[in-house]
Amino acid sequence: MNILITDDEETTIRGIRKMVKWEQIGVTKVMEASSGEEALITCKTSKVDIVISDIRMTGMSGIEMAKNIREQYPLCQIIFMTGYVENVYLKEAIDLEVVSFLEKPIHIKEMEEAIQKAAKKLQVMQLHAQVGKQMSVERRQYIIHKLAKELIEPVANRKAIQDDMKHLKLAWEQKEYACVAIFDIKSDENRNSEKVMYALDRIFSEIEHVYFMKDSSHIVFIIAYQKQEEDILREIIRRSRDFVNANTTVSICGVFGRCVTNIYSIYKSYETAVIYLQKFFYLGYQQVLCYAKEEERKLEFDEMHMKAFAESLKELNHKKTMECIKQIYIILRPQHTVLVSCMKGIYLRLLNYVYEEAEHAFSMGNISENERRGVLLEKIHSMDTLAECNEFLQEQVEEYYQNAESLVVNNKIIVQIMEFINQKYQDYELSVSEISDHVYLTPNYMMMLFKKRMGKTVLQYLTEVRMEAAKELLKDGRIKLTEVAIKVGFRDSNYFSKVFHKYVGVSPRIYREKNFF
């Protein structure tokens, strides 16, 4: 195993070379470089397995050098040294998948442990690379996928599992423990999911594992290990958390299922991980959890909150409605062990109240109850967190109150239009433009608003007012038909008779004969 020490301080290099027991930890060759540039040249001309480097150096920094090494020599392991611990360096170190981050002054024991850790990781990665060369990527992935699917099934086909493990050179029957980790990824691009998958694979590289994409959003890792590797598993969990928490490109969450003592019982670990995934519905993404046994509890929810919400909508009490939503969210959020379907059912009922009240109050849309329920079910089902359900409910409630506010304003305008027509219907010159000017609206918008609210046009309403007034006047036999026409806004008595006949069904003369006393 070949090691390259990179530091612009010669005393640091000399100290490490002198104090570390290289032969005891399996190092055959130790090389030196005084800068990042020189280190890259050495990597190009010599085989380098592990690079130990300072972060802050004259010229190219250790971070820049490591990025180049990671791109060109992916198997090469990196250990960082620094006298300046800064968050930006820690984040870069996580992104670069460095083995260790050592603070100066260097403790030799820590250095030797870091080198041994790097050597073990290198060995695992080299083994994976060697196996990968022996079979095509496609064939290997097919066998991994097949093996994983067989392992997570409750009824295991042992013969098939053994054959697949033999192909993959996995001696998992001899392992003391096994567990499953599932990562849920929210991304519209497959490319992002693949990047996450490969990054997680590097994190898991220090322990024997297989992984596969179960579907477009779930990556499943199956891990087999010995008791002495428990610290490695803890480190993988920690680094997984750091990676997930730091990722700003996609939404990710992960669960490590309970450990089992038999590879053929791995389905139990898988089942616990699947069940535990529902916790992220309450907690949100960018987290990694480990399974802990919890007793399933029933939903605790007082129906009085539902009743108060419905009443606030009827009362058009915006403040009270929003307080109800907030209170319901506070009650539901801590109930992590309740089935997600129960929580979504609560929000489905709340949304139904909103839409039913909107339909009743505003006569909005012609969608049937079954159609509306289908649309709501699909929308709620697509939501991944309780917070999303709550935000969607708030959006719909805000829209409800905006419609209510518009309705109040529009009703006032409708009343003004009707009052103006009732005052002016006798004027034969009364026009749509004059009416719209009175309410300060354009003619087209006024006509659209009136038709939408009243179900008839402005001119139809004007005709209705005139005809009803004419029917009253015709009951008085002293008023001539020509006078009746003029009194209700018609200059032409013949045209009046035609309109009256169409509206009432009989001519003005016949109507008078039937209704004159």
Foldseek 3Di string as FASTA:
>chain_A
DEEEEEALDVVLVVVLVPPAPQVVLPYDYYHYYNDLVRVVVCVVVDPHAEYEYEQDHPDDGPLNSLVVCCVPPVLRAYEYEYQDDDPVVVLSCLVSLHQYYHYPPGDNVVVSVSVSLSVLLSVLVVLQVVLCVVDPPVVLQVLLVVLVVQLLDLDHPVVSNVVSCVSSVHPQQPFFKKWKKKKFWDDPDLVVVVVVVVSLCSLCSSFDWGWDAPDSTMIMIMGTHHPVCVVSVVSSLVSVLVVLLPDPPIFMEMEIFDMDRGSSCRSNSVVQRVLLLLLCQLVPTSGYYYDDDDDQDEQDDDCVLVVQLLVCLVVLPLVSNVVSLVVVSVRPRVNSRYDVVVLLVVLLSSVLSLVVSCCVPPVPDDDDPVRVSVVSVVVSVPDNHSVVSSVVSVVSSVVSSVVVVVVVVLVVLLVQLLVVLLVCQLALPDDLCVSCVSSVHHSVVNQVSNCSRVVDGSVVSSLVSLLVQLLVVLLDVVDDLCNSCNRRRHNDSVVVQVSNCVVPVHGSVVSSVVRHD
